[in-house]
Each structure stands twice: as C-alpha cells, then as structure tokens.
C-alpha cells in the first residue's frame, strides 16, 4: 500500500512538528548561504527545538554522533 503523504503532512502539522522541521531547514539554508561546508556534520541548535529553542538561540555544526545522542529520562524524553 502506498504512503498517504497528505495524511502524514496533516498529522505533522497537528502535532506541531512541521514548524520545527521548517526551523531546521532554515538553519541549514542559512549556513549554506554563508558558504559553510557542512558535509558529514549536523546543524545543531544551541537550545534544542524540543526545549523551546529556535534559530535565534544559535546553531552550530556538530558531528552526528554528538548531536543525536542525549541523556534521556525513563520516558525517552531529553533530560
């Protein structure tokens, strides 16, 4: 069965995930416009988007292993 992209997009907007995705995309494009080579790196927000951060709080390049690993609570959310 093919994926229902319209439904996925709608669900993403209802959960508020769409805004965070667009914030990440703006951060990547901003670095690309500056001419920064981000090959093999992740654009990390200084204050995580899930914790209320934004591009205004700052972004930095990090290794994927560093950016994608955080201490977690028992429910799986970030500490």
PDB file of N, CA and C in Angstrom:
ATOM      1  N   UNK A   1       0.847  -1.170   0.000  1.00  0.00           N
ATOM      2  CA  UNK A   1       0.000   0.000   0.000  1.00  0.00           C
ATOM      3  C   UNK A   1       0.902   1.246   0.000  1.00  0.00           C
ATOM      4  N   UNK A   2       0.619   2.201  -0.863  1.00  0.00           N
ATOM      5  CA  UNK A   2       1.446   3.407  -0.918  1.00  0.00           C
ATOM      6  C   UNK A   2       1.221   4.305   0.299  1.00  0.00           C
ATOM      7  N   UNK A   3       2.240   5.103   0.612  1.00  0.00           N
ATOM      8  CA  UNK A   3       2.133   6.017   1.749  1.00  0.00           C
ATOM      9  C   UNK A   3       1.152   7.133   1.442  1.00  0.00           C
ATOM     10  N   UNK A   4       0.420   7.544   2.458  1.00  0.00           N
ATOM     11  CA  UNK A   4      -0.519   8.648   2.330  1.00  0.00           C
ATOM     12  C   UNK A   4       0.182   9.923   2.801  1.00  0.00           C
ATOM     13  N   UNK A   5       0.843  10.609   1.869  1.00  0.00           N
ATOM     14  CA  UNK A   5       1.633  11.779   2.217  1.00  0.00           C
ATOM     15  C   UNK A   5       0.769  12.920   2.738  1.00  0.00           C
ATOM     16  N   UNK A   6      -0.424  13.079   2.197  1.00  0.00           N
ATOM     17  CA  UNK A   6      -1.313  14.141   2.660  1.00  0.00           C
ATOM     18  C   UNK A   6      -1.658  13.939   4.134  1.00  0.00           C
ATOM     19  N   UNK A   7      -1.926  12.702   4.510  1.00  0.00           N
ATOM     20  CA  UNK A   7      -2.260  12.394   5.902  1.00  0.00           C
ATOM     21  C   UNK A   7      -1.047  12.612   6.807  1.00  0.00           C
ATOM     22  N   UNK A   8       0.129  12.212   6.355  1.00  0.00           N
ATOM     23  CA  UNK A   8       1.343  12.409   7.141  1.00  0.00           C
ATOM     24  C   UNK A   8       1.596  13.897   7.371  1.00  0.00           C
ATOM     25  N   UNK A   9       1.415  14.715   6.335  1.00  0.00           N
ATOM     26  CA  UNK A   9       1.624  16.150   6.445  1.00  0.00           C
ATOM     27  C   UNK A   9       0.617  16.757   7.417  1.00  0.00           C
ATOM     28  N   UNK A  10      -0.624  16.330   7.327  1.00  0.00           N
ATOM     29  CA  UNK A  10      -1.676  16.840   8.214  1.00  0.00           C
ATOM     30  C   UNK A  10      -1.361  16.483   9.669  1.00  0.00           C
ATOM     31  N   UNK A  11      -0.958  15.255   9.914  1.00  0.00           N
ATOM     32  CA  UNK A  11      -0.616  14.804  11.258  1.00  0.00           C
ATOM     33  C   UNK A  11       0.576  15.586  11.802  1.00  0.00           C
ATOM     34  N   UNK A  12       1.543  15.821  10.936  1.00  0.00           N
ATOM     35  CA  UNK A  12       2.730  16.563  11.324  1.00  0.00           C
ATOM     36  C   UNK A  12       2.366  17.985  11.763  1.00  0.00           C
ATOM     37  N   UNK A  13       1.455  18.616  11.040  1.00  0.00           N
ATOM     38  CA  UNK A  13       1.029  19.966  11.397  1.00  0.00           C
ATOM     39  C   UNK A  13       0.247  19.976  12.701  1.00  0.00           C
ATOM     40  N   UNK A  14      -0.616  18.980  12.898  1.00  0.00           N
ATOM     41  CA  UNK A  14      -1.418  18.907  14.124  1.00  0.00           C
ATOM     42  C   UNK A  14      -0.537  18.740  15.353  1.00  0.00           C
ATOM     43  N   UNK A  15       0.544  18.007  15.223  1.00  0.00           N
ATOM     44  CA  UNK A  15       1.452  17.764  16.344  1.00  0.00           C
ATOM     45  C   UNK A  15       2.407  18.929  16.574  1.00  0.00           C
ATOM     46  N   UNK A  16       2.475  19.873  15.638  1.00  0.00           N
ATOM     47  CA  UNK A  16       3.409  20.983  15.760  1.00  0.00           C
ATOM     48  C   UNK A  16       4.798  20.643  15.268  1.00  0.00           C
ATOM     49  N   UNK A  17       4.958  19.513  14.611  1.00  0.00           N
ATOM     50  CA  UNK A  17       6.266  19.089  14.132  1.00  0.00           C
ATOM     51  C   UNK A  17       6.682  19.850  12.885  1.00  0.00           C
ATOM     52  N   UNK A  18       5.713  20.306  12.123  1.00  0.00           N
ATOM     53  CA  UNK A  18       6.010  20.981  10.861  1.00  0.00           C
ATOM     54  C   UNK A  18       6.836  22.245  11.107  1.00  0.00           C
ATOM     55  N   UNK A  19       6.477  22.995  12.118  1.00  0.00           N
ATOM     56  CA  UNK A  19       7.187  24.236  12.423  1.00  0.00           C
ATOM     57  C   UNK A  19       8.644  23.959  12.782  1.00  0.00           C
ATOM     58  N   UNK A  20       8.888  22.929  13.574  1.00  0.00           N
ATOM     59  CA  UNK A  20      10.261  22.571  13.947  1.00  0.00           C
ATOM     60  C   UNK A  20      11.059  22.107  12.734  1.00  0.00           C
ATOM     61  N   UNK A  21      10.417  21.365  11.850  1.00  0.00           N
ATOM     62  CA  UNK A  21      11.090  20.883  10.645  1.00  0.00           C
ATOM     63  C   UNK A  21      11.517  22.065   9.778  1.00  0.00           C
ATOM     64  N   UNK A  22      10.620  23.048   9.670  1.00  0.00           N
ATOM     65  CA  UNK A  22      10.934  24.223   8.865  1.00  0.00           C
ATOM     66  C   UNK A  22      12.046  25.055   9.526  1.00  0.00           C
ATOM     67  N   UNK A  23      12.074  25.091  10.849  1.00  0.00           N
ATOM     68  CA  UNK A  23      13.125  25.815  11.572  1.00  0.00           C
ATOM     69  C   UNK A  23      14.485  25.164  11.301  1.00  0.00           C
ATOM     70  N   UNK A  24      14.518  23.828  11.292  1.00  0.00           N
ATOM     71  CA  UNK A  24      15.765  23.113  10.986  1.00  0.00           C
ATOM     72  C   UNK A  24      16.213  23.394   9.556  1.00  0.00           C
ATOM     73  N   UNK A  25      15.249  23.399   8.650  1.00  0.00           N
ATOM     74  CA  UNK A  25      15.567  23.644   7.245  1.00  0.00           C
ATOM     75  C   UNK A  25      16.105  25.071   7.053  1.00  0.00           C
ATOM     76  N   UNK A  26      15.520  26.051   7.724  1.00  0.00           N
ATOM     77  CA  UNK A  26      16.013  27.432   7.628  1.00  0.00           C
ATOM     78  C   UNK A  26      17.441  27.534   8.158  1.00  0.00           C
ATOM     79  N   UNK A  27      17.745  26.813   9.226  1.00  0.00           N
ATOM     80  CA  UNK A  27      19.097  26.834   9.790  1.00  0.00           C
ATOM     81  C   UNK A  27      20.104  26.265   8.792  1.00  0.00           C
ATOM     82  N   UNK A  28      19.752  25.151   8.148  1.00  0.00           N
ATOM     83  CA  UNK A  28      20.654  24.551   7.150  1.00  0.00           C
ATOM     84  C   UNK A  28      20.862  25.503   5.979  1.00  0.00           C
ATOM     85  N   UNK A  29      19.797  26.098   5.497  1.00  0.00           N
ATOM     86  CA  UNK A  29      19.904  27.001   4.343  1.00  0.00           C
ATOM     87  C   UNK A  29      20.717  28.251   4.675  1.00  0.00           C
ATOM     88  N   UNK A  30      20.601  28.731   5.900  1.00  0.00           N
ATOM     89  CA  UNK A  30      21.362  29.909   6.320  1.00  0.00           C
ATOM     90  C   UNK A  30      22.863  29.612   6.284  1.00  0.00           C
ATOM     91  N   UNK A  31      23.256  28.441   6.776  1.00  0.00           N
ATOM     92  CA  UNK A  31      24.672  28.061   6.732  1.00  0.00           C
ATOM     93  C   UNK A  31      25.140  27.857   5.295  1.00  0.00           C
ATOM     94  N   UNK A  32      24.290  27.264   4.466  1.00  0.00           N
ATOM     95  CA  UNK A  32      24.648  27.066   3.062  1.00  0.00           C
ATOM     96  C   UNK A  32      24.864  28.415   2.368  1.00  0.00           C
ATOM     97  N   UNK A  33      24.029  29.397   2.674  1.00  0.00           N
ATOM     98  CA  UNK A  33      24.149  30.725   2.070  1.00  0.00           C
ATOM     99  C   UNK A  33      25.450  31.399   2.471  1.00  0.00           C
ATOM    100  N   UNK A  34      25.929  31.105   3.680  1.00  0.00           N
ATOM    101  CA  UNK A  34      27.198  31.668   4.147  1.00  0.00           C
ATOM    102  C   UNK A  34      28.392  30.968   3.506  1.00  0.00           C
ATOM    103  N   UNK A  35      28.136  29.832   2.861  1.00  0.00           N
ATOM    104  CA  UNK A  35      29.215  29.091   2.224  1.00  0.00           C
ATOM    105  C   UNK A  35      29.886  28.094   3.138  1.00  0.00           C
ATOM    106  N   UNK A  36      29.251  27.775   4.256  1.00  0.00           N
ATOM    107  CA  UNK A  36      29.811  26.821   5.212  1.00  0.00           C
ATOM    108  C   UNK A  36      29.666  25.405   4.653  1.00  0.00           C
ATOM    109  N   UNK A  37      30.738  24.646   4.687  1.00  0.00           N
ATOM    110  CA  UNK A  37      30.684  23.251   4.251  1.00  0.00           C
ATOM    111  C   UNK A  37      30.219  22.412   5.432  1.00  0.00           C
ATOM    112  N   UNK A  38      29.067  21.789   5.290  1.00  0.00           N
ATOM    113  CA  UNK A  38      28.525  21.009   6.393  1.00  0.00           C
ATOM    114  C   UNK A  38      28.492  19.517   6.065  1.00  0.00           C
ATOM    115  N   UNK A  39      29.307  19.116   5.124  1.00  0.00           N
ATOM    116  CA  UNK A  39      29.367  17.708   4.732  1.00  0.00           C
ATOM    117  C   UNK A  39      29.811  16.846   5.903  1.00  0.00           C
ATOM    118  N   UNK A  40      29.011  15.844   6.237  1.00  0.00           N
ATOM    119  CA  UNK A  40      29.334  14.939   7.327  1.00  0.00           C
ATOM    120  C   UNK A  40      29.016  15.487   8.697  1.00  0.00           C
ATOM    121  N   UNK A  41      28.385  16.643   8.770  1.00  0.00           N
ATOM    122  CA  UNK A  41      28.064  17.275  10.049  1.00  0.00           C
ATOM    123  C   UNK A  41      26.556  17.518  10.138  1.00  0.00           C
ATOM    124  N   UNK A  42      26.077  17.699  11.366  1.00  0.00           N
ATOM    125  CA  UNK A  42      24.691  18.074  11.618  1.00  0.00           C
ATOM    126  C   UNK A  42      24.647  19.525  12.074  1.00  0.00           C
ATOM    127  N   UNK A  43      23.575  20.203  11.719  1.00  0.00           N
ATOM    128  CA  UNK A  43      23.348  21.547  12.230  1.00  0.00           C
ATOM    129  C   UNK A  43      22.586  21.379  13.539  1.00  0.00           C
ATOM    130  N   UNK A  44      23.221  21.745  14.637  1.00  0.00           N
ATOM    131  CA  UNK A  44      22.642  21.556  15.962  1.00  0.00           C
ATOM    132  C   UNK A  44      22.217  22.907  16.523  1.00  0.00           C
ATOM    133  N   UNK A  45      21.058  22.944  17.135  1.00  0.00           N
ATOM    134  CA  UNK A  45      20.606  24.152  17.806  1.00  0.00           C
ATOM    135  C   UNK A  45      21.201  24.193  19.210  1.00  0.00           C
ATOM    136  N   UNK A  46      21.663  25.375  19.622  1.00  0.00           N
ATOM    137  CA  UNK A  46      22.260  25.522  20.942  1.00  0.00           C
ATOM    138  C   UNK A  46      21.239  25.131  22.006  1.00  0.00           C
ATOM    139  N   UNK A  47      20.013  25.615  21.868  1.00  0.00           N
ATOM    140  CA  UNK A  47      18.915  25.193  22.733  1.00  0.00           C
ATOM    141  C   UNK A  47      17.983  24.348  21.865  1.00  0.00           C
ATOM    142  N   UNK A  48      17.791  23.104  22.239  1.00  0.00           N
ATOM    143  CA  UNK A  48      17.016  22.168  21.429  1.00  0.00           C
ATOM    144  C   UNK A  48      15.624  22.708  21.116  1.00  0.00           C
ATOM    145  N   UNK A  49      15.157  22.452  19.889  1.00  0.00           N
ATOM    146  CA  UNK A  49      13.827  22.899  19.496  1.00  0.00           C
ATOM    147  C   UNK A  49      12.757  22.281  20.385  1.00  0.00           C
ATOM    148  N   UNK A  50      12.982  21.060  20.818  1.00  0.00           N
ATOM    149  CA  UNK A  50      12.013  20.394  21.684  1.00  0.00           C
ATOM    150  C   UNK A  50      11.945  21.029  23.070  1.00  0.00           C
ATOM    151  N   UNK A  51      12.979  21.810  23.406  1.00  0.00           N
ATOM    152  CA  UNK A  51      13.018  22.508  24.695  1.00  0.00           C
ATOM    153  C   UNK A  51      12.663  23.984  24.544  1.00  0.00           C
ATOM    154  N   UNK A  52      12.129  24.358  23.376  1.00  0.00           N
ATOM    155  CA  UNK A  52      11.706  25.739  23.159  1.00  0.00           C
ATOM    156  C   UNK A  52      12.738  26.618  22.485  1.00  0.00           C
ATOM    157  N   UNK A  53      13.777  26.030  21.933  1.00  0.00           N
ATOM    158  CA  UNK A  53      14.812  26.803  21.259  1.00  0.00           C
ATOM    159  C   UNK A  53      14.387  27.218  19.862  1.00  0.00           C
ATOM    160  N   UNK A  54      15.211  28.030  19.227  1.00  0.00           N
ATOM    161  CA  UNK A  54      14.955  28.466  17.856  1.00  0.00           C
ATOM    162  C   UNK A  54      16.296  28.822  17.222  1.00  0.00           C
ATOM    163  N   UNK A  55      16.246  29.246  15.968  1.00  0.00           N
ATOM    164  CA  UNK A  55      17.474  29.663  15.298  1.00  0.00           C
ATOM    165  C   UNK A  55      18.052  30.906  15.951  1.00  0.00           C
ATOM    166  N   UNK A  56      17.198  31.710  16.591  1.00  0.00           N
ATOM    167  CA  UNK A  56      17.662  32.923  17.264  1.00  0.00           C
ATOM    168  C   UNK A  56      18.575  32.591  18.434  1.00  0.00           C
ATOM    169  N   UNK A  57      18.412  31.405  19.031  1.00  0.00           N
ATOM    170  CA  UNK A  57      19.271  30.986  20.134  1.00  0.00           C
ATOM    171  C   UNK A  57      20.639  30.540  19.644  1.00  0.00           C
ATOM    172  N   UNK A  58      20.778  30.339  18.347  1.00  0.00           N
ATOM    173  CA  UNK A  58      22.058  29.969  17.763  1.00  0.00           C
ATOM    174  C   UNK A  58      22.092  28.528  17.282  1.00  0.00           C
ATOM    175  N   UNK A  59      22.924  28.308  16.286  1.00  0.00           N
ATOM    176  CA  UNK A  59      23.140  26.968  15.737  1.00  0.00           C
ATOM    177  C   UNK A  59      24.633  26.752  15.612  1.00  0.00           C
ATOM    178  N   UNK A  60      25.021  25.490  15.545  1.00  0.00           N
ATOM    179  CA  UNK A  60      26.427  25.142  15.384  1.00  0.00           C
ATOM    180  C   UNK A  60      26.520  23.826  14.633  1.00  0.00           C
ATOM    181  N   UNK A  61      27.673  23.574  14.047  1.00  0.00           N
ATOM    182  CA  UNK A  61      27.921  22.303  13.372  1.00  0.00           C
ATOM    183  C   UNK A  61      28.474  21.316  14.383  1.00  0.00           C
ATOM    184  N   UNK A  62      27.929  20.121  14.377  1.00  0.00           N
ATOM    185  CA  UNK A  62      28.403  19.066  15.269  1.00  0.00           C
ATOM    186  C   UNK A  62      28.474  17.757  14.517  1.00  0.00           C
ATOM    187  N   UNK A  63      29.272  16.856  15.038  1.00  0.00           N
ATOM    188  CA  UNK A  63      29.314  15.503  14.499  1.00  0.00           C
ATOM    189  C   UNK A  63      27.961  14.848  14.758  1.00  0.00           C
ATOM    190  N   UNK A  64      27.471  14.041  13.834  1.00  0.00           N
ATOM    191  CA  UNK A  64      26.168  13.395  14.036  1.00  0.00           C
ATOM    192  C   UNK A  64      26.096  12.587  15.327  1.00  0.00           C
ATOM    193  N   UNK A  65      27.175  11.928  15.699  1.00  0.00           N
ATOM    194  CA  UNK A  65      27.149  11.117  16.919  1.00  0.00           C
ATOM    195  C   UNK A  65      26.953  11.988  18.155  1.00  0.00           C
ATOM    196  N   UNK A  66      27.468  13.195  18.124  1.00  0.00           N
ATOM    197  CA  UNK A  66      27.312  14.123  19.245  1.00  0.00           C
ATOM    198  C   UNK A  66      25.913  14.740  19.256  1.00  0.00           C
ATOM    199  N   UNK A  67      25.425  15.115  18.101  1.00  0.00           N
ATOM    200  CA  UNK A  67      24.144  15.805  18.001  1.00  0.00           C
ATOM    201  C   UNK A  67      22.959  14.874  18.245  1.00  0.00           C
ATOM    202  N   UNK A  68      23.107  13.611  17.944  1.00  0.00           N
ATOM    203  CA  UNK A  68      21.970  12.693  18.018  1.00  0.00           C
ATOM    204  C   UNK A  68      21.948  11.857  19.284  1.00  0.00           C
ATOM    205  N   UNK A  69      22.847  12.127  20.202  1.00  0.00           N
ATOM    206  CA  UNK A  69      22.850  11.359  21.440  1.00  0.00           C
ATOM    207  C   UNK A  69      22.730  12.308  22.627  1.00  0.00           C
ATOM    208  N   UNK A  70      21.669  12.138  23.397  1.00  0.00           N
ATOM    209  CA  UNK A  70      21.428  12.957  24.567  1.00  0.00           C
ATOM    210  C   UNK A  70      21.056  12.048  25.720  1.00  0.00           C
ATOM    211  N   UNK A  71      21.308  12.501  26.920  1.00  0.00           N
ATOM    212  CA  UNK A  71      20.840  11.750  28.073  1.00  0.00           C
ATOM    213  C   UNK A  71      19.319  11.793  28.070  1.00  0.00           C
ATOM    214  N   UNK A  72      18.707  10.664  28.384  1.00  0.00           N
ATOM    215  CA  UNK A  72      17.259  10.555  28.304  1.00  0.00           C
ATOM    216  C   UNK A  72      16.656  10.222  29.655  1.00  0.00           C
ATOM    217  N   UNK A  73      15.403  10.637  29.840  1.00  0.00           N
ATOM    218  CA  UNK A  73      14.624  10.250  31.006  1.00  0.00           C
ATOM    219  C   UNK A  73      14.043   8.856  30.752  1.00  0.00           C
ATOM    220  N   UNK A  74      13.415   8.276  31.747  1.00  0.00           N
ATOM    221  CA  UNK A  74      12.860   6.929  31.591  1.00  0.00           C
ATOM    222  C   UNK A  74      11.743   6.894  30.548  1.00  0.00           C
ATOM    223  N   UNK A  75      11.081   8.032  30.294  1.00  0.00           N
ATOM    224  CA  UNK A  75      10.025   8.062  29.285  1.00  0.00           C
ATOM    225  C   UNK A  75      10.576   8.325  27.884  1.00  0.00           C
ATOM    226  N   UNK A  76      11.888   8.480  27.742  1.00  0.00           N
ATOM    227  CA  UNK A  76      12.515   8.671  26.443  1.00  0.00           C
ATOM    228  C   UNK A  76      12.751  10.114  26.069  1.00  0.00           C
ATOM    229  N   UNK A  77      12.212  11.063  26.833  1.00  0.00           N
ATOM    230  CA  UNK A  77      12.425  12.472  26.509  1.00  0.00           C
ATOM    231  C   UNK A  77      13.800  12.922  27.004  1.00  0.00           C
ATOM    232  N   UNK A  78      14.264  14.044  26.484  1.00  0.00           N
ATOM    233  CA  UNK A  78      15.571  14.567  26.868  1.00  0.00           C
ATOM    234  C   UNK A  78      15.554  15.093  28.294  1.00  0.00           C
ATOM    235  N   UNK A  79      16.704  14.944  28.971  1.00  0.00           N
ATOM    236  CA  UNK A  79      16.840  15.492  30.333  1.00  0.00           C
ATOM    237  C   UNK A  79      17.038  16.975  30.266  1.00  0.00           C
TER     238      UNK A  79
END
